[in-house]
Every structure is written in structure tokens, then in C-alpha cells.
Amino acid sequence: MPGYVTDTTDAWVQPIDYSFDSSGVVTLRSLGSDKKPGGVGDKRDMIGVFSSRNAQGRWEDELSDWTHDPFKP
């Protein structure tokens, strides 16, 4: 999207893991600097979840709000 960061790697230049389900919920995951599940600080996992579909089941035309914010522990 023009004007937005659309990198597919995390801050440690590791690929961001992503998945989505049949209802359009997208999950993005980084394992942190140690590349292992769990951890604290820079080593903590960052997980972001958002819906790519609106209430009518149509694809969202605009950015969606996080249902789980990756920047909040």
C-alpha cells in the first residue's frame, strides 16, 4: 500500500510468519531477536491479529484495527 511499510521481515530481518483462517482473520507473528517462542524484551514474541473482512464478509478496503496489537505485551 502506498505510504505504508509493507516489509515481510521483522526488525531482525527474519520472515514474518503469517496465517489466515476461512473467516478472513489474519495473524502475523515474529519470534523476537532470539528466534525462539516466548521471551521478554527484544526476545519476546510479537503477535498481531486483524480481520481482513468487514461485518458483511467483504474484503476490507482500508486498514483494519488490530484485534490483538503486536506492540502491546
N, C-alpha and C. Protein backbone atom coordinates (compact mmCIF):
# COMPACT_ATOMS: atom_id res chain seq x y z
N MET A 1 0.85 -1.18 0.00
CA MET A 1 0.00 0.00 0.00
C MET A 1 0.89 1.24 0.00
N PRO A 2 0.66 2.16 -0.89
CA PRO A 2 1.46 3.37 -0.93
C PRO A 2 1.38 4.12 0.41
N GLY A 3 2.53 4.56 0.90
CA GLY A 3 2.58 5.33 2.13
C GLY A 3 2.65 4.50 3.40
N TYR A 4 2.65 3.18 3.29
CA TYR A 4 2.70 2.30 4.46
C TYR A 4 3.88 1.34 4.33
N VAL A 5 4.45 0.96 5.47
CA VAL A 5 5.52 -0.03 5.48
C VAL A 5 4.89 -1.39 5.21
N THR A 6 5.38 -2.08 4.22
CA THR A 6 4.83 -3.39 3.87
C THR A 6 5.93 -4.46 3.86
N ASP A 7 6.95 -4.27 4.71
CA ASP A 7 8.02 -5.25 4.80
C ASP A 7 7.46 -6.60 5.21
N THR A 8 8.11 -7.65 4.74
CA THR A 8 7.71 -9.00 5.12
C THR A 8 8.73 -9.64 6.06
N THR A 9 9.60 -8.78 6.61
CA THR A 9 10.56 -9.24 7.61
C THR A 9 10.40 -8.40 8.87
N ASP A 10 10.85 -8.98 10.00
CA ASP A 10 10.76 -8.26 11.27
C ASP A 10 12.01 -7.41 11.47
N ALA A 11 12.16 -6.83 12.65
CA ALA A 11 13.29 -5.95 12.95
C ALA A 11 14.63 -6.68 12.92
N TRP A 12 14.60 -8.02 12.99
CA TRP A 12 15.82 -8.83 12.98
C TRP A 12 16.02 -9.49 11.62
N VAL A 13 15.34 -8.96 10.61
CA VAL A 13 15.42 -9.39 9.22
C VAL A 13 15.06 -10.87 9.07
N GLN A 14 14.14 -11.33 9.89
CA GLN A 14 13.60 -12.68 9.80
C GLN A 14 12.21 -12.59 9.17
N PRO A 15 11.83 -13.56 8.37
CA PRO A 15 10.49 -13.52 7.77
C PRO A 15 9.39 -13.48 8.84
N ILE A 16 8.39 -12.65 8.60
CA ILE A 16 7.23 -12.62 9.49
C ILE A 16 6.33 -13.79 9.12
N ASP A 17 6.00 -14.61 10.11
CA ASP A 17 5.10 -15.73 9.89
C ASP A 17 3.68 -15.19 9.83
N TYR A 18 2.90 -15.65 8.89
CA TYR A 18 1.52 -15.19 8.81
C TYR A 18 0.61 -16.37 8.51
N SER A 19 -0.61 -16.25 8.96
CA SER A 19 -1.63 -17.25 8.65
C SER A 19 -2.97 -16.53 8.60
N PHE A 20 -3.94 -17.17 7.99
CA PHE A 20 -5.28 -16.61 7.95
C PHE A 20 -6.27 -17.76 7.94
N ASP A 21 -7.45 -17.49 8.48
CA ASP A 21 -8.46 -18.54 8.51
C ASP A 21 -9.57 -18.24 7.51
N SER A 22 -10.53 -19.13 7.41
CA SER A 22 -11.58 -19.01 6.40
C SER A 22 -12.48 -17.80 6.60
N SER A 23 -12.50 -17.23 7.81
CA SER A 23 -13.32 -16.05 8.06
C SER A 23 -12.57 -14.75 7.76
N GLY A 24 -11.28 -14.86 7.36
CA GLY A 24 -10.51 -13.67 7.00
C GLY A 24 -9.71 -13.08 8.13
N VAL A 25 -9.59 -13.78 9.26
CA VAL A 25 -8.76 -13.30 10.37
C VAL A 25 -7.31 -13.62 10.04
N VAL A 26 -6.47 -12.58 10.07
CA VAL A 26 -5.05 -12.70 9.74
C VAL A 26 -4.23 -12.61 11.02
N THR A 27 -3.26 -13.51 11.17
CA THR A 27 -2.35 -13.49 12.31
C THR A 27 -0.93 -13.33 11.79
N LEU A 28 -0.21 -12.32 12.32
CA LEU A 28 1.18 -12.07 12.00
C LEU A 28 2.01 -12.37 13.24
N ARG A 29 3.18 -13.04 13.07
CA ARG A 29 3.97 -13.43 14.23
C ARG A 29 5.46 -13.28 13.96
N SER A 30 6.16 -12.68 14.94
CA SER A 30 7.62 -12.63 14.96
C SER A 30 8.06 -13.28 16.27
N LEU A 31 9.10 -14.10 16.23
CA LEU A 31 9.59 -14.76 17.44
C LEU A 31 10.61 -13.92 18.20
N GLY A 32 10.84 -12.70 17.80
CA GLY A 32 11.77 -11.82 18.51
C GLY A 32 13.21 -12.07 18.12
N SER A 33 14.11 -11.39 18.82
CA SER A 33 15.53 -11.42 18.46
C SER A 33 16.18 -12.79 18.61
N ASP A 34 15.66 -13.62 19.52
CA ASP A 34 16.27 -14.95 19.72
C ASP A 34 15.68 -16.02 18.81
N LYS A 35 14.65 -15.67 18.07
CA LYS A 35 14.00 -16.59 17.12
C LYS A 35 13.44 -17.84 17.79
N LYS A 36 13.09 -17.72 19.09
CA LYS A 36 12.52 -18.84 19.84
C LYS A 36 11.21 -18.40 20.47
N PRO A 37 10.25 -19.30 20.62
CA PRO A 37 8.98 -18.93 21.27
C PRO A 37 9.21 -18.43 22.69
N GLY A 38 8.39 -17.44 23.09
CA GLY A 38 8.47 -16.89 24.44
C GLY A 38 9.49 -15.78 24.51
N GLY A 39 9.95 -15.50 25.72
CA GLY A 39 10.98 -14.49 25.93
C GLY A 39 10.41 -13.18 26.44
N VAL A 40 11.33 -12.29 26.83
CA VAL A 40 10.96 -10.95 27.31
C VAL A 40 11.83 -9.93 26.58
N GLY A 41 11.42 -8.68 26.65
CA GLY A 41 12.17 -7.62 25.98
C GLY A 41 12.24 -7.86 24.48
N ASP A 42 13.43 -7.68 23.90
CA ASP A 42 13.61 -7.90 22.46
C ASP A 42 13.41 -9.36 22.07
N LYS A 43 13.46 -10.26 23.04
CA LYS A 43 13.30 -11.69 22.75
C LYS A 43 11.84 -12.14 22.75
N ARG A 44 10.92 -11.25 23.13
CA ARG A 44 9.51 -11.66 23.24
C ARG A 44 8.87 -11.82 21.88
N ASP A 45 7.90 -12.71 21.81
CA ASP A 45 7.13 -12.89 20.59
C ASP A 45 6.24 -11.67 20.39
N MET A 46 6.06 -11.29 19.15
CA MET A 46 5.12 -10.23 18.80
C MET A 46 4.06 -10.85 17.91
N ILE A 47 2.81 -10.75 18.34
CA ILE A 47 1.71 -11.35 17.59
C ILE A 47 0.67 -10.28 17.33
N GLY A 48 0.30 -10.13 16.07
CA GLY A 48 -0.73 -9.18 15.69
C GLY A 48 -1.86 -9.91 14.97
N VAL A 49 -3.09 -9.54 15.29
CA VAL A 49 -4.25 -10.18 14.69
C VAL A 49 -5.21 -9.09 14.21
N PHE A 50 -5.73 -9.25 13.00
CA PHE A 50 -6.74 -8.33 12.49
C PHE A 50 -7.65 -9.08 11.53
N SER A 51 -8.82 -8.50 11.28
CA SER A 51 -9.76 -9.09 10.35
C SER A 51 -9.61 -8.42 8.99
N SER A 52 -9.53 -9.21 7.95
CA SER A 52 -9.41 -8.66 6.60
C SER A 52 -10.78 -8.52 5.91
N ARG A 53 -11.83 -8.89 6.62
CA ARG A 53 -13.19 -8.80 6.07
C ARG A 53 -14.06 -7.95 7.01
N ASN A 54 -15.04 -7.29 6.42
CA ASN A 54 -15.95 -6.47 7.24
C ASN A 54 -17.10 -7.34 7.76
N ALA A 55 -18.03 -6.73 8.44
CA ALA A 55 -19.15 -7.47 9.05
C ALA A 55 -20.03 -8.17 8.01
N GLN A 56 -20.02 -7.68 6.78
CA GLN A 56 -20.80 -8.29 5.71
C GLN A 56 -20.02 -9.40 4.98
N GLY A 57 -18.77 -9.64 5.41
CA GLY A 57 -17.96 -10.68 4.80
C GLY A 57 -17.17 -10.24 3.59
N ARG A 58 -17.22 -8.95 3.28
CA ARG A 58 -16.48 -8.42 2.13
C ARG A 58 -15.07 -8.03 2.57
N TRP A 59 -14.11 -8.11 1.62
CA TRP A 59 -12.74 -7.69 1.91
C TRP A 59 -12.73 -6.23 2.35
N GLU A 60 -11.94 -5.90 3.35
CA GLU A 60 -11.79 -4.52 3.80
C GLU A 60 -11.05 -3.72 2.74
N ASP A 61 -11.51 -2.50 2.47
CA ASP A 61 -10.84 -1.61 1.53
C ASP A 61 -9.79 -0.75 2.20
N GLU A 62 -9.88 -0.66 3.52
CA GLU A 62 -8.97 0.20 4.28
C GLU A 62 -8.29 -0.62 5.36
N LEU A 63 -7.34 0.01 6.04
CA LEU A 63 -6.65 -0.68 7.13
C LEU A 63 -7.63 -1.03 8.24
N SER A 64 -7.47 -2.20 8.79
CA SER A 64 -8.31 -2.66 9.89
C SER A 64 -7.62 -2.38 11.21
N ASP A 65 -8.40 -2.27 12.27
CA ASP A 65 -7.84 -2.14 13.60
C ASP A 65 -7.33 -3.50 14.06
N TRP A 66 -6.28 -3.49 14.88
CA TRP A 66 -5.78 -4.73 15.46
C TRP A 66 -6.81 -5.27 16.45
N THR A 67 -7.08 -6.55 16.41
CA THR A 67 -7.87 -7.18 17.47
C THR A 67 -6.92 -7.68 18.55
N HIS A 68 -5.65 -7.87 18.18
CA HIS A 68 -4.57 -8.13 19.13
C HIS A 68 -3.39 -7.33 18.63
N ASP A 69 -2.99 -6.29 19.36
CA ASP A 69 -1.94 -5.36 18.94
C ASP A 69 -0.56 -5.98 19.20
N PRO A 70 0.28 -6.10 18.18
CA PRO A 70 1.60 -6.70 18.36
C PRO A 70 2.55 -5.88 19.21
N PHE A 71 2.25 -4.61 19.42
CA PHE A 71 3.13 -3.75 20.19
C PHE A 71 2.77 -3.70 21.66
N LYS A 72 1.74 -4.42 22.05
CA LYS A 72 1.36 -4.48 23.46
C LYS A 72 1.60 -5.90 23.95
N PRO A 73 2.33 -6.04 25.06
CA PRO A 73 2.62 -7.40 25.58
C PRO A 73 1.37 -8.18 25.97
